[in-house]
Amino acid sequence: MITITKVHAYKEINSRGDWTVVAEVILSTGVVGRYAVADGASTGTKEAIVLDTDTAVSNIISKIAPALVGLSPYDQLTIDTIMLELDKTPNKATLGGNSILAVSVAVANACALSLEVPAYIYLHALYFGKVPATLENPILSFKEFSPRFPIPLFNILNGGKHAQNNLSFQEFMIIPSNTYSFLERMEVGVHCYHILKDKLHADGYATSVGDEGGFAPSNFNPQTALAYIQNALSSHYIIGTDIYFGIDVAADSFVNGDSYTIKEQNLTLSQNQLIDYLSDLTTKHPLIILEDPLYETHLDSWNTINANLGSKLNIVGDDLVVTNTKILLTAIDKKLCNAVIVKLNQVGTLTETFAFIQTAQKNNLKIIISHRSGDTAEDTFVADMALAVNADFVKFGAPARGERTVKYNRLLEIYDDIQTT
């Protein structure tokens, strides 16, 4: 039987210039699976605790590794359960969500490599409960499936905590129509990115970028930013037919008690006034994504905006639900959102992430698999995972910066493999 013979960890630098933890899981066959944990700038208060990198590395080597050596790597549930039992806290404060997640995903990567199948095929089998806990045959052939390629949400203009400008809202996204093939959607996204860059440059704006590769000019507000993007693209595409828009409001970034301050417009808005402000944007622009439109504790207002706008666009919970199934069930019961962001490091294990997605899908919520603003230029796991779970959308940032494009390029690689097979 193939077993785990060693679990190792070290630290490396992420895209924001911060340290992050990397785990390596070595199997008895010599196969090595690894994973570097991504980290966010805009975070929900109920996310799994992230410990400092040195502590996380030490916890993996001294506490997690001894508990996992000798186990079958294919028993993902048992491995994740052991780590949760070692931690004994609801938010992974003892071992750190970053320590646990690094090992959890490294195990899955090792399994895919051991079986000589692409990660998305292994993860698809794991997600649908088709991987035996003890796998005697290392050359197990997983049945190939025809993945549904998700619609990319291209974050082409950054604000909030992702940029050093005065724009309160965090992300302005363009979304190619689902009538395009996946390759065509990518081509549209790249084209729009360059159209906006050329327009900004011609108008005298800086074309420096934020954490997620989108442009970060100053002197815009949410209304003028959307209007500017729409104007720039309207001579090339039919707005509302070829392309649509999305916003990550990230309302936690400008909440002030029970109200919200959009500083660049000198506006202080009540919760109802912010809903009206956002509703007005949806009448002027073809928005189909509205992410974290309100602070995570303003639940009555979440219910209101979902009731008012949820029939025509995706009201997306990110900080609201933090990839946590228990919190998600409350959001479903109170009808707070109709789509959710999935971020591995918010909850801290692959098993818990899969449970969250399964619960959301059973309740007909749209799934958006997301990166984090502090990511690494070699990690493509979330791209494979998006295909494995039949995600509706992916949010990997702009089609620029290596830690963003590597994920898009992984999807393009798989798309080409399927088209040419």
Protein backbone atom coordinates (compact mmCIF):
# COMPACT_ATOMS: atom_id res chain seq x y z
CA MET A 1 0.00 0.00 0.00
CA ILE A 2 1.20 3.49 -0.82
CA THR A 3 1.69 5.57 2.31
CA ILE A 4 2.85 9.01 3.41
CA THR A 5 6.50 8.73 4.45
CA LYS A 6 7.30 12.38 5.20
CA VAL A 7 5.62 15.77 5.59
CA HIS A 8 7.89 18.79 5.28
CA ALA A 9 7.37 22.56 5.22
CA TYR A 10 9.26 25.74 4.41
CA LYS A 11 8.45 29.34 3.56
CA GLU A 12 8.49 31.27 0.31
CA ILE A 13 7.53 34.76 -0.90
CA ASN A 14 4.09 35.48 -2.34
CA SER A 15 2.97 38.08 -4.89
CA ARG A 16 2.63 40.84 -2.28
CA GLY A 17 6.16 40.33 -1.03
CA ASP A 18 4.96 38.57 2.11
CA TRP A 19 6.04 35.20 3.44
CA THR A 20 3.77 32.20 3.05
CA VAL A 21 3.99 28.55 4.04
CA VAL A 22 4.64 25.67 1.64
CA ALA A 23 3.98 22.04 2.55
CA GLU A 24 5.46 18.98 0.87
CA VAL A 25 3.95 15.51 1.25
CA ILE A 26 6.27 12.67 0.21
CA LEU A 27 4.81 9.26 -0.61
CA SER A 28 6.44 5.84 -0.34
CA THR A 29 6.77 5.84 -4.15
CA GLY A 30 8.95 8.95 -3.99
CA VAL A 31 6.20 11.20 -5.37
CA VAL A 32 6.13 14.69 -3.83
CA GLY A 33 2.99 16.82 -3.64
CA ARG A 34 3.31 20.43 -2.61
CA TYR A 35 1.13 23.46 -1.99
CA ALA A 36 1.83 27.12 -1.19
CA VAL A 37 -0.97 28.85 0.70
CA ALA A 38 -2.48 32.02 -0.75
CA ASP A 39 -3.48 34.89 1.55
CA GLY A 40 -6.02 37.71 1.33
CA ALA A 41 -5.94 41.43 2.04
CA SER A 42 -9.70 41.87 2.38
CA THR A 43 -10.77 39.18 4.83
CA GLY A 44 -13.89 38.17 6.71
CA THR A 45 -13.82 38.20 10.50
CA LYS A 46 -14.76 34.50 10.68
CA GLU A 47 -12.06 33.12 8.39
CA ALA A 48 -9.65 30.46 9.63
CA ILE A 49 -6.79 31.94 11.63
CA VAL A 50 -3.54 32.55 9.74
CA LEU A 51 -0.49 32.12 11.97
CA ASP A 52 2.85 33.75 11.24
CA THR A 53 4.78 31.76 8.68
CA ASP A 54 7.57 30.53 10.94
CA THR A 55 5.05 29.17 13.43
CA ALA A 56 3.05 27.56 10.63
CA VAL A 57 6.15 25.83 9.27
CA SER A 58 7.09 24.60 12.73
CA ASN A 59 3.57 23.29 13.39
CA ILE A 60 3.61 21.24 10.19
CA ILE A 61 6.98 19.68 10.90
CA SER A 62 6.62 19.06 14.64
CA LYS A 63 2.88 18.47 15.15
CA ILE A 64 1.12 17.54 11.91
CA ALA A 65 3.79 15.38 10.25
CA PRO A 66 4.07 12.75 13.03
CA ALA A 67 0.30 12.21 12.94
CA LEU A 68 0.15 11.57 9.20
CA VAL A 69 3.22 9.45 8.43
CA GLY A 70 2.18 5.93 7.56
CA LEU A 71 -1.34 6.81 6.43
CA SER A 72 -2.79 6.25 2.98
CA PRO A 73 -2.76 9.59 1.12
CA TYR A 74 -6.00 8.68 -0.65
CA ASP A 75 -7.99 8.91 2.57
CA GLN A 76 -8.43 12.68 2.40
CA LEU A 77 -11.29 12.71 4.91
CA THR A 78 -9.29 10.91 7.59
CA ILE A 79 -6.21 13.06 7.02
CA ASP A 80 -8.18 16.30 7.28
CA THR A 81 -10.10 15.01 10.30
CA ILE A 82 -6.88 14.12 12.13
CA MET A 83 -5.56 17.65 11.60
CA LEU A 84 -8.83 19.16 12.83
CA GLU A 85 -8.73 16.97 15.92
CA LEU A 86 -5.14 18.00 16.59
CA ASP A 87 -6.18 21.65 16.39
CA LYS A 88 -9.38 21.39 18.50
CA THR A 89 -10.60 24.94 17.73
CA PRO A 90 -13.41 26.10 15.41
CA ASN A 91 -11.17 28.62 13.62
CA LYS A 92 -7.93 26.60 13.58
CA ALA A 93 -6.24 28.93 16.04
CA THR A 94 -3.94 26.25 17.47
CA LEU A 95 -2.20 24.92 14.36
CA GLY A 96 -3.21 27.72 11.98
CA GLY A 97 -5.48 27.49 8.98
CA ASN A 98 -2.46 28.08 6.77
CA SER A 99 -0.59 25.10 8.26
CA ILE A 100 -3.54 22.73 7.92
CA LEU A 101 -4.50 23.86 4.41
CA ALA A 102 -0.95 23.57 3.09
CA VAL A 103 -0.85 19.90 4.07
CA SER A 104 -4.44 19.14 3.04
CA VAL A 105 -3.94 20.31 -0.53
CA ALA A 106 -0.39 18.92 -0.79
CA VAL A 107 -1.85 15.50 -0.02
CA ALA A 108 -4.34 15.78 -2.90
CA ASN A 109 -1.63 16.97 -5.27
CA ALA A 110 0.56 14.01 -4.29
CA CYS A 111 -2.30 11.62 -5.03
CA ALA A 112 -2.90 13.01 -8.50
CA LEU A 113 0.80 12.79 -9.30
CA SER A 114 0.99 9.26 -7.93
CA LEU A 115 -1.92 8.15 -10.09
CA GLU A 116 -0.53 9.97 -13.11
CA VAL A 117 -3.78 11.81 -13.76
CA PRO A 118 -4.38 15.56 -14.06
CA ALA A 119 -5.36 17.16 -10.77
CA TYR A 120 -8.81 18.11 -12.03
CA ILE A 121 -9.64 14.47 -12.82
CA TYR A 122 -8.48 13.25 -9.42
CA LEU A 123 -10.29 16.08 -7.63
CA HIS A 124 -13.47 15.38 -9.60
CA ALA A 125 -13.37 11.77 -8.43
CA LEU A 126 -12.62 12.86 -4.86
CA TYR A 127 -15.42 15.45 -4.89
CA PHE A 128 -17.97 12.88 -6.04
CA GLY A 129 -16.81 10.24 -3.56
CA LYS A 130 -15.19 7.91 -6.07
CA VAL A 131 -11.75 7.56 -4.44
CA PRO A 132 -11.43 4.53 -2.11
CA ALA A 133 -9.88 5.42 1.24
CA THR A 134 -7.23 2.73 0.73
CA LEU A 135 -6.03 2.48 -2.83
CA GLU A 136 -4.06 -0.68 -3.51
CA ASN A 137 -3.53 -0.06 -7.21
CA PRO A 138 -1.42 3.04 -7.92
CA ILE A 139 -2.30 2.90 -11.61
CA LEU A 140 -6.02 3.26 -10.96
CA SER A 141 -7.62 4.66 -14.10
CA PHE A 142 -10.14 7.39 -13.36
CA LYS A 143 -12.90 7.77 -15.87
CA GLU A 144 -12.30 10.95 -17.81
CA PHE A 145 -15.12 13.45 -17.78
CA SER A 146 -15.97 16.44 -19.95
CA PRO A 147 -15.57 19.42 -17.66
CA ARG A 148 -17.71 22.50 -17.97
CA PHE A 149 -15.39 25.45 -18.34
CA PRO A 150 -16.29 28.31 -16.00
CA ILE A 151 -16.85 31.91 -17.03
CA PRO A 152 -13.85 34.07 -16.02
CA LEU A 153 -14.43 37.26 -14.05
CA PHE A 154 -11.64 39.59 -15.16
CA ASN A 155 -10.77 42.16 -12.51
CA ILE A 156 -9.49 44.96 -14.73
CA LEU A 157 -9.70 47.92 -12.34
CA ASN A 158 -8.64 47.70 -8.69
CA GLY A 159 -9.54 49.76 -5.64
CA GLY A 160 -10.17 49.21 -1.94
CA LYS A 161 -7.53 47.18 -0.12
CA HIS A 162 -6.05 45.94 -3.40
CA ALA A 163 -4.74 49.30 -4.60
CA GLN A 164 -3.13 52.49 -3.34
CA ASN A 165 -5.74 54.82 -4.79
CA ASN A 166 -8.82 56.56 -3.44
CA LEU A 167 -11.44 54.20 -4.87
CA SER A 168 -13.65 52.61 -2.19
CA PHE A 169 -14.99 49.63 -4.15
CA GLN A 170 -12.42 46.87 -4.52
CA GLU A 171 -12.88 45.27 -7.94
CA PHE A 172 -14.44 46.21 -11.25
CA MET A 173 -14.80 43.15 -13.46
CA ILE A 174 -15.69 42.48 -17.07
CA ILE A 175 -17.50 39.23 -17.82
CA PRO A 176 -17.63 37.79 -21.35
CA SER A 177 -20.94 36.36 -22.52
CA ASN A 178 -21.57 32.65 -22.02
CA THR A 179 -22.25 32.43 -25.76
CA TYR A 180 -18.50 32.50 -26.33
CA SER A 181 -16.32 29.41 -26.09
CA PHE A 182 -13.86 29.37 -23.20
CA LEU A 183 -11.00 30.36 -25.48
CA GLU A 184 -13.06 33.22 -26.90
CA ARG A 185 -13.90 34.42 -23.38
CA MET A 186 -10.20 34.55 -22.59
CA GLU A 187 -9.51 36.43 -25.81
CA VAL A 188 -12.25 38.95 -24.99
CA GLY A 189 -10.86 39.44 -21.48
CA VAL A 190 -7.32 40.06 -22.70
CA HIS A 191 -8.58 42.41 -25.42
CA CYS A 192 -10.66 44.44 -22.94
CA TYR A 193 -7.70 44.70 -20.59
CA HIS A 194 -5.58 46.28 -23.34
CA ILE A 195 -8.38 48.54 -24.53
CA LEU A 196 -8.71 49.94 -21.01
CA LYS A 197 -4.94 50.31 -20.65
CA ASP A 198 -4.69 52.26 -23.90
CA LYS A 199 -7.64 54.45 -22.94
CA LEU A 200 -6.20 55.23 -19.51
CA HIS A 201 -2.81 56.04 -21.02
CA ALA A 202 -4.34 58.27 -23.71
CA ASP A 203 -6.30 60.17 -21.06
CA GLY A 204 -3.24 60.75 -18.89
CA TYR A 205 -3.97 58.25 -16.14
CA ALA A 206 -1.33 56.01 -14.60
CA THR A 207 -1.47 52.41 -15.77
CA SER A 208 0.19 50.94 -12.70
CA VAL A 209 -1.63 47.92 -11.32
CA GLY A 210 -3.01 46.74 -8.00
CA ASP A 211 -2.50 43.47 -6.14
CA GLU A 212 -4.62 41.50 -8.61
CA GLY A 213 -3.24 42.97 -11.82
CA GLY A 214 -6.06 45.42 -12.56
CA PHE A 215 -5.26 49.04 -13.23
CA ALA A 216 -5.32 51.34 -10.21
CA PRO A 217 -5.78 54.95 -11.39
CA SER A 218 -6.66 57.73 -8.96
CA ASN A 219 -9.54 60.21 -9.12
CA PHE A 220 -12.34 57.76 -9.85
CA ASN A 221 -15.40 56.89 -7.82
CA PRO A 222 -17.57 53.78 -8.29
CA GLN A 223 -19.97 55.58 -10.63
CA THR A 224 -17.33 57.19 -12.83
CA ALA A 225 -15.18 54.03 -12.86
CA LEU A 226 -18.00 51.92 -14.28
CA ALA A 227 -18.97 54.60 -16.77
CA TYR A 228 -15.36 54.95 -17.90
CA ILE A 229 -14.94 51.20 -18.44
CA GLN A 230 -18.22 50.99 -20.33
CA ASN A 231 -17.30 53.93 -22.54
CA ALA A 232 -13.87 52.48 -23.30
CA LEU A 233 -15.27 49.11 -24.36
CA SER A 234 -18.48 50.17 -26.10
CA SER A 235 -16.84 50.87 -29.45
CA HIS A 236 -15.54 47.30 -29.57
CA TYR A 237 -18.30 45.25 -27.95
CA ILE A 238 -22.06 45.37 -27.47
CA ILE A 239 -22.36 46.09 -23.77
CA GLY A 240 -24.95 43.82 -22.19
CA THR A 241 -24.69 41.29 -25.01
CA ASP A 242 -21.00 40.57 -25.61
CA ILE A 243 -19.78 41.59 -22.18
CA TYR A 244 -21.25 42.28 -18.77
CA PHE A 245 -19.88 43.84 -15.60
CA GLY A 246 -19.30 42.81 -12.01
CA ILE A 247 -18.26 44.62 -8.83
CA ASP A 248 -16.68 43.41 -5.64
CA VAL A 249 -17.97 46.15 -3.37
CA ALA A 250 -16.04 44.73 -0.39
CA ALA A 251 -18.24 46.83 1.86
CA ASP A 252 -16.21 45.84 4.93
CA SER A 253 -13.51 48.19 3.62
CA PHE A 254 -15.63 51.32 4.10
CA VAL A 255 -18.21 50.36 6.70
CA ASN A 256 -18.49 52.68 9.69
CA GLY A 257 -20.73 51.17 12.33
CA ASP A 258 -24.20 50.97 10.79
CA SER A 259 -23.32 53.23 7.84
CA TYR A 260 -20.87 53.39 4.95
CA THR A 261 -18.45 56.12 3.89
CA ILE A 262 -17.56 56.48 0.21
CA LYS A 263 -14.82 58.97 0.87
CA GLU A 264 -14.04 59.93 -2.72
CA GLN A 265 -17.60 61.27 -3.06
CA ASN A 266 -17.90 62.62 0.48
CA LEU A 267 -20.88 60.33 0.99
CA THR A 268 -22.02 58.74 4.23
CA LEU A 269 -24.81 56.31 3.45
CA SER A 270 -27.16 54.30 5.58
CA GLN A 271 -27.60 50.65 4.72
CA ASN A 272 -30.75 51.38 2.72
CA GLN A 273 -29.04 54.26 0.95
CA LEU A 274 -26.14 52.01 -0.06
CA ILE A 275 -28.66 49.52 -1.46
CA ASP A 276 -30.23 52.36 -3.45
CA TYR A 277 -26.78 53.49 -4.65
CA LEU A 278 -25.96 49.97 -5.87
CA SER A 279 -29.42 49.51 -7.39
CA ASP A 280 -28.88 52.68 -9.41
CA LEU A 281 -25.64 51.26 -10.80
CA THR A 282 -27.51 48.14 -11.96
CA THR A 283 -29.97 50.29 -13.93
CA LYS A 284 -27.17 52.13 -15.74
CA HIS A 285 -24.80 49.22 -16.40
CA PRO A 286 -25.33 45.51 -17.18
CA LEU A 287 -24.12 44.20 -13.84
CA ILE A 288 -24.47 40.47 -13.22
CA ILE A 289 -22.12 40.15 -10.22
CA LEU A 290 -22.45 42.15 -6.99
CA GLU A 291 -20.07 40.76 -4.38
CA ASP A 292 -20.14 41.63 -0.67
CA PRO A 293 -22.45 44.62 -1.23
CA LEU A 294 -22.90 45.02 2.53
CA TYR A 295 -20.98 44.29 5.72
CA GLU A 296 -21.13 40.69 6.88
CA THR A 297 -23.25 41.40 9.99
CA HIS A 298 -25.87 43.59 8.29
CA LEU A 299 -28.04 40.57 7.57
CA ASP A 300 -31.41 42.28 7.18
CA SER A 301 -29.92 44.49 4.48
CA TRP A 302 -28.43 41.45 2.75
CA ASN A 303 -31.90 39.95 2.68
CA THR A 304 -33.30 43.18 1.23
CA ILE A 305 -30.79 43.51 -1.58
CA ASN A 306 -31.10 39.84 -2.47
CA ALA A 307 -34.90 40.15 -2.58
CA ASN A 308 -34.70 43.34 -4.67
CA LEU A 309 -31.95 42.39 -7.13
CA GLY A 310 -31.37 38.65 -6.83
CA SER A 311 -33.75 37.79 -9.66
CA LYS A 312 -31.62 39.64 -12.22
CA LEU A 313 -28.04 39.28 -10.99
CA ASN A 314 -25.77 37.32 -8.66
CA ILE A 315 -25.69 38.64 -5.10
CA VAL A 316 -22.43 37.07 -4.01
CA GLY A 317 -21.39 36.22 -0.47
CA ASP A 318 -17.67 36.19 0.27
CA ASP A 319 -16.91 37.71 3.69
CA LEU A 320 -20.55 36.92 4.45
CA VAL A 321 -20.01 33.13 4.36
CA VAL A 322 -16.19 32.64 4.34
CA THR A 323 -16.39 29.14 2.77
CA ASN A 324 -17.94 27.90 6.02
CA THR A 325 -20.83 25.43 5.69
CA LYS A 326 -22.44 26.32 9.03
CA ILE A 327 -22.49 30.02 8.15
CA LEU A 328 -23.68 29.20 4.63
CA LEU A 329 -26.70 27.32 5.99
CA THR A 330 -27.71 30.45 7.91
CA ALA A 331 -27.33 32.54 4.76
CA ILE A 332 -29.48 30.07 2.82
CA ASP A 333 -32.14 30.01 5.52
CA LYS A 334 -32.30 33.83 5.67
CA LYS A 335 -32.11 34.18 1.85
CA LEU A 336 -29.09 36.48 2.01
CA CYS A 337 -27.38 35.65 -1.31
CA ASN A 338 -27.73 33.52 -4.44
CA ALA A 339 -24.04 32.94 -5.19
CA VAL A 340 -20.90 32.32 -3.14
CA ILE A 341 -17.16 32.79 -3.37
CA VAL A 342 -15.02 29.75 -2.56
CA LYS A 343 -11.58 30.41 -1.08
CA LEU A 344 -9.60 27.48 0.26
CA ASN A 345 -7.78 29.38 2.97
CA GLN A 346 -10.96 30.82 4.47
CA VAL A 347 -11.85 27.43 5.93
CA GLY A 348 -8.56 25.54 5.83
CA THR A 349 -9.10 21.99 4.52
CA LEU A 350 -10.04 20.50 1.19
CA THR A 351 -12.71 18.34 2.84
CA GLU A 352 -14.47 21.35 4.37
CA THR A 353 -14.19 23.27 1.11
CA PHE A 354 -15.85 20.44 -0.80
CA ALA A 355 -18.63 20.20 1.81
CA PHE A 356 -19.29 23.93 1.42
CA ILE A 357 -19.51 23.68 -2.37
CA GLN A 358 -21.78 20.65 -2.22
CA THR A 359 -24.14 22.44 0.17
CA ALA A 360 -24.23 25.52 -2.05
CA GLN A 361 -24.88 23.51 -5.19
CA LYS A 362 -27.66 21.48 -3.55
CA ASN A 363 -29.34 24.79 -2.76
CA ASN A 364 -28.89 26.15 -6.30
CA LEU A 365 -26.33 28.79 -5.45
CA LYS A 366 -23.79 29.75 -8.11
CA ILE A 367 -20.17 28.80 -7.39
CA ILE A 368 -17.26 31.19 -7.92
CA ILE A 369 -13.81 29.67 -7.30
CA SER A 370 -11.40 32.43 -6.28
CA HIS A 371 -7.72 33.13 -5.81
CA ARG A 372 -6.44 35.50 -3.11
CA SER A 373 -4.65 38.81 -3.58
CA GLY A 374 -1.46 37.37 -2.08
CA ASP A 375 -0.87 34.37 -4.34
CA THR A 376 2.04 32.46 -5.84
CA ALA A 377 3.17 32.27 -9.45
CA GLU A 378 3.42 28.49 -9.58
CA ASP A 379 0.09 27.48 -8.04
CA THR A 380 -2.68 26.25 -10.34
CA PHE A 381 -4.67 24.12 -7.90
CA VAL A 382 -7.74 26.38 -7.88
CA ALA A 383 -7.97 26.15 -11.68
CA ASP A 384 -8.14 22.35 -11.53
CA MET A 385 -10.55 22.51 -8.61
CA ALA A 386 -12.91 24.80 -10.53
CA LEU A 387 -13.24 22.20 -13.27
CA ALA A 388 -13.51 19.33 -10.80
CA VAL A 389 -16.57 20.76 -9.00
CA ASN A 390 -18.29 22.23 -12.09
CA ALA A 391 -17.91 25.82 -10.90
CA ASP A 392 -19.95 28.49 -12.65
CA PHE A 393 -17.27 31.20 -12.53
CA VAL A 394 -13.60 31.68 -11.68
CA LYS A 395 -12.11 34.84 -10.23
CA PHE A 396 -8.37 34.88 -10.81
CA GLY A 397 -7.77 38.61 -11.23
CA ALA A 398 -6.66 40.45 -14.34
CA PRO A 399 -5.10 38.68 -17.32
CA ALA A 400 -1.74 40.02 -16.11
CA ARG A 401 0.90 39.25 -13.45
CA GLY A 402 2.30 35.75 -13.29
CA GLU A 403 0.39 34.58 -10.22
CA ARG A 404 -2.88 35.45 -12.05
CA THR A 405 -2.07 34.31 -15.59
CA VAL A 406 -0.70 30.93 -14.44
CA LYS A 407 -4.24 29.98 -13.36
CA TYR A 408 -5.86 31.17 -16.60
CA ASN A 409 -3.11 29.43 -18.54
CA ARG A 410 -3.78 26.17 -16.71
CA LEU A 411 -7.40 26.31 -17.84
CA LEU A 412 -6.26 27.10 -21.38
CA GLU A 413 -3.88 24.13 -21.26
CA ILE A 414 -6.66 21.77 -20.20
CA TYR A 415 -9.05 23.28 -22.76
CA ASP A 416 -6.54 22.69 -25.54
CA ASP A 417 -5.85 19.14 -24.36
CA ILE A 418 -9.55 18.34 -24.51
CA GLN A 419 -10.08 20.02 -27.87
CA THR A 420 -7.17 18.20 -29.49
CA THR A 421 -7.71 14.76 -27.96
